[in-house]
Amino acid sequence: MSTVKPFLKWAGGKFRLLERILPELAGARRYVEPFAGSAAVYLNTDAPEAVVNDMNADLITLYRCIQTEGEAFMDYAASFFTSETNTETAFYELRARFNSASDPRERAALLLYLNKHAYNGLIRYNAKGGYNAPFGRYKAPQFPRAGMRCFLERTRQGRTVFTCRDFREVFAGVQAGDVVYCDPPYVPLSSTANFTSYAGNVFGPEDQEDLAALVRRAHSQGATVVLSNHDTPQTRALYAGARILTFDVQRFISCKGQARHRAPELLAVYRA
């Protein structure tokens, strides 16, 4: 299968799982993604209509700027990729500029810079909404123009709308015949694991339960819904009515190879 790689680095991105996910999304007239992240799945779908959502306003602005401005925005964003900006001092100056900036276009371009220059490509915000990932010390981060052009081309294949809403609002607009893919913050694998932040907000047990209820409702109203999550007893209970596909996934977020591990994941599939 020939696939298009996203232009952003993304913790938990689904590029390596496309061969498992895409067959479950086949036949979509309208594709809906409430938790877009790097948009790896959207990029490799071919539905003529799409709703691509994320709660990270800077991320959605970045996608909209590429869609509406094309090469002009790419040229602007590329201006932050120089040998002079690939230093620890410059990185923290530009991180501070991002955190104080109010212009959405400027923030979008700086988000791309930070994603490519920060440690492990983390897009991470503190409780006050400030980007706080540290400098990554990469030899020469490359500006991802080719990947951005692929993204632009995908947005021109039909009609794509980028939105920044709570997932509950997105599900309120799901219609019969839609194909929905959800990649929410995962249920923790243990009581001590707590990677449940979502665009600077906590995504807790009530959110997991609300999402599961909305998935079931959308399916009952004629939509196909596919969801990724950790394979845990809690997740199995939340999606008990789905067809469950399971597999292990290699984690790549740690900079130390020995600290990276395989984790059990599942796809919960509700076909209309």
C-alpha atoms as a PDB file:
ATOM      1  CA  MET A   1       0.000   0.000   0.000  1.00  0.00           C
ATOM      2  CA  SER A   2       1.380   3.411  -1.016  1.00  0.00           C
ATOM      3  CA  THR A   3       0.915   5.907   1.798  1.00  0.00           C
ATOM      4  CA  VAL A   4       1.541   9.610   2.356  1.00  0.00           C
ATOM      5  CA  LYS A   5       3.563  10.538   5.425  1.00  0.00           C
ATOM      6  CA  PRO A   6       2.403  13.506   7.535  1.00  0.00           C
ATOM      7  CA  PHE A   7       4.666  16.555   7.607  1.00  0.00           C
ATOM      8  CA  LEU A   8       4.503  16.875  11.410  1.00  0.00           C
ATOM      9  CA  LYS A   9       6.172  14.761  14.066  1.00  0.00           C
ATOM     10  CA  TRP A  10       3.500  13.408  16.396  1.00  0.00           C
ATOM     11  CA  ALA A  11       3.536  11.295  19.547  1.00  0.00           C
ATOM     12  CA  GLY A  12       1.100   8.432  18.993  1.00  0.00           C
ATOM     13  CA  GLY A  13       0.711   9.185  15.287  1.00  0.00           C
ATOM     14  CA  LYS A  14      -0.980   6.516  13.205  1.00  0.00           C
ATOM     15  CA  PHE A  15       1.198   6.439  10.101  1.00  0.00           C
ATOM     16  CA  ARG A  16       2.648   3.013  10.946  1.00  0.00           C
ATOM     17  CA  LEU A  17      -0.841   1.597  11.529  1.00  0.00           C
ATOM     18  CA  LEU A  18      -2.454   2.763   8.304  1.00  0.00           C
ATOM     19  CA  GLU A  19      -2.541  -0.731   6.804  1.00  0.00           C
ATOM     20  CA  ARG A  20      -4.733  -1.803   9.724  1.00  0.00           C
ATOM     21  CA  ILE A  21      -6.911   1.316   9.902  1.00  0.00           C
ATOM     22  CA  LEU A  22      -7.616   2.283   6.291  1.00  0.00           C
ATOM     23  CA  PRO A  23      -9.449  -0.918   5.255  1.00  0.00           C
ATOM     24  CA  GLU A  24     -11.976  -0.232   8.019  1.00  0.00           C
ATOM     25  CA  LEU A  25     -12.676   3.247   6.599  1.00  0.00           C
ATOM     26  CA  ALA A  26     -13.324   2.235   2.999  1.00  0.00           C
ATOM     27  CA  GLY A  27     -16.257   3.615   1.075  1.00  0.00           C
ATOM     28  CA  ALA A  28     -16.637   6.941   2.848  1.00  0.00           C
ATOM     29  CA  ARG A  29     -18.569   9.686   1.117  1.00  0.00           C
ATOM     30  CA  ARG A  30     -17.847  11.997   4.049  1.00  0.00           C
ATOM     31  CA  TYR A  31     -14.945  11.361   6.419  1.00  0.00           C
ATOM     32  CA  VAL A  32     -14.993  12.806   9.949  1.00  0.00           C
ATOM     33  CA  GLU A  33     -11.996  12.882  12.304  1.00  0.00           C
ATOM     34  CA  PRO A  34     -12.599  14.457  15.744  1.00  0.00           C
ATOM     35  CA  PHE A  35      -8.973  14.083  16.994  1.00  0.00           C
ATOM     36  CA  ALA A  36      -6.828  14.841  13.952  1.00  0.00           C
ATOM     37  CA  GLY A  37      -3.339  15.215  15.410  1.00  0.00           C
ATOM     38  CA  SER A  38      -0.848  14.940  12.532  1.00  0.00           C
ATOM     39  CA  ALA A  39      -3.722  14.022  10.172  1.00  0.00           C
ATOM     40  CA  ALA A  40      -1.908  10.868   9.032  1.00  0.00           C
ATOM     41  CA  VAL A  41      -5.191   9.019   8.541  1.00  0.00           C
ATOM     42  CA  TYR A  42      -6.991  11.891   6.792  1.00  0.00           C
ATOM     43  CA  LEU A  43      -4.063  12.285   4.381  1.00  0.00           C
ATOM     44  CA  ASN A  44      -4.526   8.705   3.230  1.00  0.00           C
ATOM     45  CA  THR A  45      -8.279   8.687   2.811  1.00  0.00           C
ATOM     46  CA  ASP A  46     -10.016   9.601  -0.435  1.00  0.00           C
ATOM     47  CA  ALA A  47     -13.488  10.663   0.677  1.00  0.00           C
ATOM     48  CA  PRO A  48     -14.655  13.657  -1.409  1.00  0.00           C
ATOM     49  CA  GLU A  49     -15.824  15.437   1.754  1.00  0.00           C
ATOM     50  CA  ALA A  50     -14.028  15.609   5.095  1.00  0.00           C
ATOM     51  CA  VAL A  51     -14.368  17.258   8.483  1.00  0.00           C
ATOM     52  CA  VAL A  52     -10.992  17.357  10.234  1.00  0.00           C
ATOM     53  CA  ASN A  53     -11.053  18.557  13.827  1.00  0.00           C
ATOM     54  CA  ASP A  54      -8.684  19.066  16.713  1.00  0.00           C
ATOM     55  CA  MET A  55      -8.867  21.025  19.974  1.00  0.00           C
ATOM     56  CA  ASN A  56      -5.424  22.525  19.315  1.00  0.00           C
ATOM     57  CA  ALA A  57      -6.262  25.879  17.708  1.00  0.00           C
ATOM     58  CA  ASP A  58      -2.660  26.458  16.552  1.00  0.00           C
ATOM     59  CA  LEU A  59      -2.651  23.112  14.763  1.00  0.00           C
ATOM     60  CA  ILE A  60      -5.947  23.770  12.993  1.00  0.00           C
ATOM     61  CA  THR A  61      -4.772  27.246  12.000  1.00  0.00           C
ATOM     62  CA  LEU A  62      -1.639  25.659  10.509  1.00  0.00           C
ATOM     63  CA  TYR A  63      -3.794  23.331   8.423  1.00  0.00           C
ATOM     64  CA  ARG A  64      -6.072  26.173   7.333  1.00  0.00           C
ATOM     65  CA  CYS A  65      -3.114  28.356   6.337  1.00  0.00           C
ATOM     66  CA  ILE A  66      -1.736  25.611   4.121  1.00  0.00           C
ATOM     67  CA  GLN A  67      -5.172  25.040   2.602  1.00  0.00           C
ATOM     68  CA  THR A  68      -5.887  28.708   1.868  1.00  0.00           C
ATOM     69  CA  GLU A  69      -2.430  30.183   1.199  1.00  0.00           C
ATOM     70  CA  GLY A  70      -0.460  27.257  -0.189  1.00  0.00           C
ATOM     71  CA  GLU A  71       3.095  28.163  -1.239  1.00  0.00           C
ATOM     72  CA  ALA A  72       2.883  31.686   0.216  1.00  0.00           C
ATOM     73  CA  PHE A  73       2.422  30.304   3.711  1.00  0.00           C
ATOM     74  CA  MET A  74       5.081  27.657   3.150  1.00  0.00           C
ATOM     75  CA  ASP A  75       7.561  30.391   2.209  1.00  0.00           C
ATOM     76  CA  TYR A  76       6.706  32.299   5.379  1.00  0.00           C
ATOM     77  CA  ALA A  77       7.026  29.225   7.592  1.00  0.00           C
ATOM     78  CA  ALA A  78      10.313  28.278   5.897  1.00  0.00           C
ATOM     79  CA  SER A  79      11.827  31.593   6.978  1.00  0.00           C
ATOM     80  CA  PHE A  80      12.115  30.187  10.514  1.00  0.00           C
ATOM     81  CA  PHE A  81      14.242  27.248   9.316  1.00  0.00           C
ATOM     82  CA  THR A  82      17.820  28.511   9.137  1.00  0.00           C
ATOM     83  CA  SER A  83      21.132  27.529  10.656  1.00  0.00           C
ATOM     84  CA  GLU A  84      20.838  30.584  12.906  1.00  0.00           C
ATOM     85  CA  THR A  85      17.521  29.416  14.377  1.00  0.00           C
ATOM     86  CA  ASN A  86      18.834  25.911  15.086  1.00  0.00           C
ATOM     87  CA  THR A  87      20.513  26.890  18.345  1.00  0.00           C
ATOM     88  CA  GLU A  88      19.372  26.555  21.921  1.00  0.00           C
ATOM     89  CA  THR A  89      19.232  30.320  22.397  1.00  0.00           C
ATOM     90  CA  ALA A  90      17.218  30.914  19.241  1.00  0.00           C
ATOM     91  CA  PHE A  91      14.871  28.049  20.058  1.00  0.00           C
ATOM     92  CA  TYR A  92      13.933  29.457  23.447  1.00  0.00           C
ATOM     93  CA  GLU A  93      13.558  32.949  21.987  1.00  0.00           C
ATOM     94  CA  LEU A  94      11.177  31.639  19.324  1.00  0.00           C
ATOM     95  CA  ARG A  95       9.342  29.505  21.872  1.00  0.00           C
ATOM     96  CA  ALA A  96       8.788  32.639  23.975  1.00  0.00           C
ATOM     97  CA  ARG A  97       7.685  34.503  20.849  1.00  0.00           C
ATOM     98  CA  PHE A  98       5.158  31.758  20.123  1.00  0.00           C
ATOM     99  CA  ASN A  99       3.799  31.863  23.661  1.00  0.00           C
ATOM    100  CA  SER A 100       3.321  35.643  23.551  1.00  0.00           C
ATOM    101  CA  ALA A 101       2.089  35.895  19.949  1.00  0.00           C
ATOM    102  CA  SER A 102      -1.560  36.706  19.261  1.00  0.00           C
ATOM    103  CA  ASP A 103      -1.507  36.537  15.449  1.00  0.00           C
ATOM    104  CA  PRO A 104      -2.858  33.077  14.456  1.00  0.00           C
ATOM    105  CA  ARG A 105      -0.763  32.881  11.273  1.00  0.00           C
ATOM    106  CA  GLU A 106       2.452  33.647  13.146  1.00  0.00           C
ATOM    107  CA  ARG A 107       1.605  31.080  15.804  1.00  0.00           C
ATOM    108  CA  ALA A 108       0.904  28.476  13.117  1.00  0.00           C
ATOM    109  CA  ALA A 109       4.287  28.990  11.466  1.00  0.00           C
ATOM    110  CA  LEU A 110       6.084  28.942  14.805  1.00  0.00           C
ATOM    111  CA  LEU A 111       4.262  25.771  15.806  1.00  0.00           C
ATOM    112  CA  LEU A 112       5.777  24.057  12.779  1.00  0.00           C
ATOM    113  CA  TYR A 113       9.231  25.384  13.730  1.00  0.00           C
ATOM    114  CA  LEU A 114       8.832  24.156  17.304  1.00  0.00           C
ATOM    115  CA  ASN A 115       7.585  20.751  16.165  1.00  0.00           C
ATOM    116  CA  LYS A 116      10.715  20.211  14.090  1.00  0.00           C
ATOM    117  CA  HIS A 117      13.202  21.651  16.576  1.00  0.00           C
ATOM    118  CA  ALA A 118      11.823  20.514  19.955  1.00  0.00           C
ATOM    119  CA  TYR A 119      12.804  17.373  21.823  1.00  0.00           C
ATOM    120  CA  ASN A 120      11.204  14.373  20.091  1.00  0.00           C
ATOM    121  CA  GLY A 121       8.897  16.730  18.191  1.00  0.00           C
ATOM    122  CA  LEU A 122       6.684  17.088  21.234  1.00  0.00           C
ATOM    123  CA  ILE A 123       3.733  19.452  20.943  1.00  0.00           C
ATOM    124  CA  ARG A 124       3.159  20.028  24.615  1.00  0.00           C
ATOM    125  CA  TYR A 125       1.509  22.850  26.537  1.00  0.00           C
ATOM    126  CA  ASN A 126       1.515  23.624  30.253  1.00  0.00           C
ATOM    127  CA  ALA A 127      -1.589  24.329  32.336  1.00  0.00           C
ATOM    128  CA  LYS A 128      -1.464  28.005  31.339  1.00  0.00           C
ATOM    129  CA  GLY A 129      -1.406  27.149  27.643  1.00  0.00           C
ATOM    130  CA  GLY A 130       2.288  27.833  27.104  1.00  0.00           C
ATOM    131  CA  TYR A 131       4.314  25.584  24.826  1.00  0.00           C
ATOM    132  CA  ASN A 132       6.964  24.020  27.068  1.00  0.00           C
ATOM    133  CA  ALA A 133       8.826  21.249  25.217  1.00  0.00           C
ATOM    134  CA  PRO A 134      12.630  21.703  25.395  1.00  0.00           C
ATOM    135  CA  PHE A 135      15.170  22.133  22.601  1.00  0.00           C
ATOM    136  CA  GLY A 136      15.853  18.956  20.643  1.00  0.00           C
ATOM    137  CA  ARG A 137      19.455  19.514  19.484  1.00  0.00           C
ATOM    138  CA  TYR A 138      18.947  18.169  15.957  1.00  0.00           C
ATOM    139  CA  LYS A 139      21.805  18.600  13.502  1.00  0.00           C
ATOM    140  CA  ALA A 140      19.811  20.238  10.703  1.00  0.00           C
ATOM    141  CA  PRO A 141      15.985  20.108  10.850  1.00  0.00           C
ATOM    142  CA  GLN A 142      14.578  20.114   7.338  1.00  0.00           C
ATOM    143  CA  PHE A 143      11.642  22.245   6.291  1.00  0.00           C
ATOM    144  CA  PRO A 144       8.900  19.769   5.232  1.00  0.00           C
ATOM    145  CA  ARG A 145       7.794  21.498   2.032  1.00  0.00           C
ATOM    146  CA  ALA A 146       7.197  18.248   0.128  1.00  0.00           C
ATOM    147  CA  GLY A 147       4.974  16.915   2.923  1.00  0.00           C
ATOM    148  CA  MET A 148       3.097  20.198   3.136  1.00  0.00           C
ATOM    149  CA  ARG A 149       2.503  20.102  -0.616  1.00  0.00           C
ATOM    150  CA  CYS A 150       1.017  16.608  -0.252  1.00  0.00           C
ATOM    151  CA  PHE A 151      -1.218  17.950   2.488  1.00  0.00           C
ATOM    152  CA  LEU A 152      -2.295  20.857   0.261  1.00  0.00           C
ATOM    153  CA  GLU A 153      -3.071  18.457  -2.581  1.00  0.00           C
ATOM    154  CA  ARG A 154      -5.258  16.342  -0.287  1.00  0.00           C
ATOM    155  CA  THR A 155      -7.259  19.400   0.795  1.00  0.00           C
ATOM    156  CA  ARG A 156      -7.991  20.109  -2.867  1.00  0.00           C
ATOM    157  CA  GLN A 157      -9.410  16.635  -3.521  1.00  0.00           C
ATOM    158  CA  GLY A 158     -13.007  17.555  -2.839  1.00  0.00           C
ATOM    159  CA  ARG A 159     -14.046  19.642   0.148  1.00  0.00           C
ATOM    160  CA  THR A 160     -12.285  19.574   3.513  1.00  0.00           C
ATOM    161  CA  VAL A 161     -13.385  21.689   6.468  1.00  0.00           C
ATOM    162  CA  PHE A 162     -10.972  22.145   9.382  1.00  0.00           C
ATOM    163  CA  THR A 163     -12.600  22.829  12.734  1.00  0.00           C
ATOM    164  CA  CYS A 164     -11.462  23.432  16.310  1.00  0.00           C
ATOM    165  CA  ARG A 165     -14.205  22.073  18.551  1.00  0.00           C
ATOM    166  CA  ASP A 166     -14.844  19.738  21.427  1.00  0.00           C
ATOM    167  CA  PHE A 167     -15.398  16.188  20.170  1.00  0.00           C
ATOM    168  CA  ARG A 168     -18.971  16.322  21.453  1.00  0.00           C
ATOM    169  CA  GLU A 169     -19.747  19.157  19.048  1.00  0.00           C
ATOM    170  CA  VAL A 170     -18.186  17.222  16.189  1.00  0.00           C
ATOM    171  CA  PHE A 171     -20.322  14.166  16.897  1.00  0.00           C
ATOM    172  CA  ALA A 172     -23.423  16.377  16.975  1.00  0.00           C
ATOM    173  CA  GLY A 173     -22.885  16.908  13.245  1.00  0.00           C
ATOM    174  CA  VAL A 174     -22.257  13.271  12.289  1.00  0.00           C
ATOM    175  CA  GLN A 175     -24.823  11.952   9.805  1.00  0.00           C
ATOM    176  CA  ALA A 176     -25.940   8.576   8.521  1.00  0.00           C
ATOM    177  CA  GLY A 177     -23.450   7.314   5.954  1.00  0.00           C
ATOM    178  CA  ASP A 178     -20.478   9.175   7.459  1.00  0.00           C
ATOM    179  CA  VAL A 179     -17.273   7.307   8.273  1.00  0.00           C
ATOM    180  CA  VAL A 180     -15.701   8.500  11.528  1.00  0.00           C
ATOM    181  CA  TYR A 181     -12.212   7.706  12.814  1.00  0.00           C
ATOM    182  CA  CYS A 182     -11.351   8.541  16.426  1.00  0.00           C
ATOM    183  CA  ASP A 183      -7.840   8.642  17.875  1.00  0.00           C
ATOM    184  CA  PRO A 184      -8.501  10.152  21.315  1.00  0.00           C
ATOM    185  CA  PRO A 185      -6.113  10.377  24.259  1.00  0.00           C
ATOM    186  CA  TYR A 186      -5.780   6.780  25.354  1.00  0.00           C
ATOM    187  CA  VAL A 187      -7.111   5.072  28.457  1.00  0.00           C
ATOM    188  CA  PRO A 188      -4.019   4.646  30.711  1.00  0.00           C
ATOM    189  CA  LEU A 189      -2.433   1.193  30.700  1.00  0.00           C
ATOM    190  CA  SER A 190      -2.093   1.307  34.486  1.00  0.00           C
ATOM    191  CA  SER A 191      -3.171   3.326  37.504  1.00  0.00           C
ATOM    192  CA  THR A 192       0.206   5.087  37.528  1.00  0.00           C
ATOM    193  CA  ALA A 193       0.116   6.062  33.855  1.00  0.00           C
ATOM    194  CA  ASN A 194      -1.571   9.377  33.133  1.00  0.00           C
ATOM    195  CA  PHE A 195      -0.850  10.424  29.529  1.00  0.00           C
ATOM    196  CA  THR A 196      -4.341  11.862  29.144  1.00  0.00           C
ATOM    197  CA  SER A 197      -3.665  15.472  28.201  1.00  0.00           C
ATOM    198  CA  TYR A 198      -5.334  16.780  25.068  1.00  0.00           C
ATOM    199  CA  ALA A 199      -4.301  20.197  23.711  1.00  0.00           C
ATOM    200  CA  GLY A 200      -3.381  21.274  27.237  1.00  0.00           C
ATOM    201  CA  ASN A 201      -6.584  19.925  28.802  1.00  0.00           C
ATOM    202  CA  VAL A 202      -7.162  16.796  30.842  1.00  0.00           C
ATOM    203  CA  PHE A 203      -9.022  14.017  29.051  1.00  0.00           C
ATOM    204  CA  GLY A 204     -10.361  11.949  31.921  1.00  0.00           C
ATOM    205  CA  PRO A 205     -12.638   8.962  32.570  1.00  0.00           C
ATOM    206  CA  GLU A 206     -15.831  10.969  32.029  1.00  0.00           C
ATOM    207  CA  ASP A 207     -14.568  12.080  28.626  1.00  0.00           C
ATOM    208  CA  GLN A 208     -13.788   8.459  27.728  1.00  0.00           C
ATOM    209  CA  GLU A 209     -17.318   7.447  28.736  1.00  0.00           C
ATOM    210  CA  ASP A 210     -18.910  10.343  26.847  1.00  0.00           C
ATOM    211  CA  LEU A 211     -16.918   9.458  23.743  1.00  0.00           C
ATOM    212  CA  ALA A 212     -17.950   5.798  23.911  1.00  0.00           C
ATOM    213  CA  ALA A 213     -21.611   6.797  24.257  1.00  0.00           C
ATOM    214  CA  LEU A 214     -21.350   9.127  21.249  1.00  0.00           C
ATOM    215  CA  VAL A 215     -19.645   6.434  19.184  1.00  0.00           C
ATOM    216  CA  ARG A 216     -22.475   4.007  19.905  1.00  0.00           C
ATOM    217  CA  ARG A 217     -25.119   6.633  19.171  1.00  0.00           C
ATOM    218  CA  ALA A 218     -23.530   7.622  15.854  1.00  0.00           C
ATOM    219  CA  HIS A 219     -23.422   3.973  14.838  1.00  0.00           C
ATOM    220  CA  SER A 220     -27.053   3.461  15.795  1.00  0.00           C
ATOM    221  CA  GLN A 221     -27.926   6.413  13.548  1.00  0.00           C
ATOM    222  CA  GLY A 222     -26.197   4.930  10.506  1.00  0.00           C
ATOM    223  CA  ALA A 223     -22.550   6.015  10.685  1.00  0.00           C
ATOM    224  CA  THR A 224     -19.495   3.783  10.569  1.00  0.00           C
ATOM    225  CA  VAL A 225     -17.173   4.543  13.481  1.00  0.00           C
ATOM    226  CA  VAL A 226     -13.648   3.217  14.051  1.00  0.00           C
ATOM    227  CA  LEU A 227     -11.708   4.033  17.217  1.00  0.00           C
ATOM    228  CA  SER A 228      -8.131   3.447  18.401  1.00  0.00           C
ATOM    229  CA  ASN A 229      -7.187   2.995  22.047  1.00  0.00           C
ATOM    230  CA  HIS A 230      -5.141   0.903  24.432  1.00  0.00           C
ATOM    231  CA  ASP A 231      -6.340  -2.657  24.812  1.00  0.00           C
ATOM    232  CA  THR A 232      -7.392  -2.682  28.474  1.00  0.00           C
ATOM    233  CA  PRO A 233     -10.334  -4.167  30.395  1.00  0.00           C
ATOM    234  CA  GLN A 234     -11.783  -0.656  30.690  1.00  0.00           C
ATOM    235  CA  THR A 235     -11.597  -0.058  26.948  1.00  0.00           C
ATOM    236  CA  ARG A 236     -13.060  -3.486  26.225  1.00  0.00           C
ATOM    237  CA  ALA A 237     -15.994  -2.619  28.486  1.00  0.00           C
ATOM    238  CA  LEU A 238     -16.508   0.798  26.881  1.00  0.00           C
ATOM    239  CA  TYR A 239     -16.655  -0.701  23.379  1.00  0.00           C
ATOM    240  CA  ALA A 240     -18.193  -4.068  24.180  1.00  0.00           C
ATOM    241  CA  GLY A 241     -20.506  -3.963  21.161  1.00  0.00           C
ATOM    242  CA  ALA A 242     -17.769  -3.389  18.593  1.00  0.00           C
ATOM    243  CA  ARG A 243     -15.748  -5.755  16.470  1.00  0.00           C
ATOM    244  CA  ILE A 244     -12.371  -5.658  18.204  1.00  0.00           C
ATOM    245  CA  LEU A 245      -9.033  -5.934  16.393  1.00  0.00           C
ATOM    246  CA  THR A 246      -5.934  -6.198  18.598  1.00  0.00           C
ATOM    247  CA  PHE A 247      -2.195  -5.819  18.048  1.00  0.00           C
ATOM    248  CA  ASP A 248       0.953  -4.555  19.756  1.00  0.00           C
ATOM    249  CA  VAL A 249       2.468  -1.207  18.805  1.00  0.00           C
ATOM    250  CA  GLN A 250       6.037  -0.015  19.255  1.00  0.00           C
ATOM    251  CA  ARG A 251       6.324   3.201  21.231  1.00  0.00           C
ATOM    252  CA  PHE A 252       8.825   5.726  19.856  1.00  0.00           C
ATOM    253  CA  ILE A 253       8.495   8.686  22.238  1.00  0.00           C
ATOM    254  CA  SER A 254      11.520   7.867  24.413  1.00  0.00           C
ATOM    255  CA  CYS A 255      14.966   9.009  23.225  1.00  0.00           C
ATOM    256  CA  LYS A 256      16.480   5.903  24.838  1.00  0.00           C
ATOM    257  CA  GLY A 257      16.013   2.781  22.758  1.00  0.00           C
ATOM    258  CA  GLN A 258      15.863   0.499  25.777  1.00  0.00           C
ATOM    259  CA  ALA A 259      13.050   2.598  27.248  1.00  0.00           C
ATOM    260  CA  ARG A 260      10.840   2.145  24.193  1.00  0.00           C
ATOM    261  CA  HIS A 261       8.378  -0.704  24.455  1.00  0.00           C
ATOM    262  CA  ARG A 262       5.475  -2.417  22.789  1.00  0.00           C
ATOM    263  CA  ALA A 263       1.991  -1.650  24.050  1.00  0.00           C
ATOM    264  CA  PRO A 264      -1.297  -3.471  23.382  1.00  0.00           C
ATOM    265  CA  GLU A 265      -3.717  -1.511  21.213  1.00  0.00           C
ATOM    266  CA  LEU A 266      -7.098  -2.166  19.726  1.00  0.00           C
ATOM    267  CA  LEU A 267      -9.371  -0.928  16.987  1.00  0.00           C
ATOM    268  CA  ALA A 268     -13.043  -0.864  17.905  1.00  0.00           C
ATOM    269  CA  VAL A 269     -15.024  -1.102  14.656  1.00  0.00           C
ATOM    270  CA  TYR A 270     -18.710  -0.274  14.272  1.00  0.00           C
ATOM    271  CA  ARG A 271     -19.715  -0.787  10.635  1.00  0.00           C
ATOM    272  CA  ALA A 272     -22.956   0.737   9.448  1.00  0.00           C
END
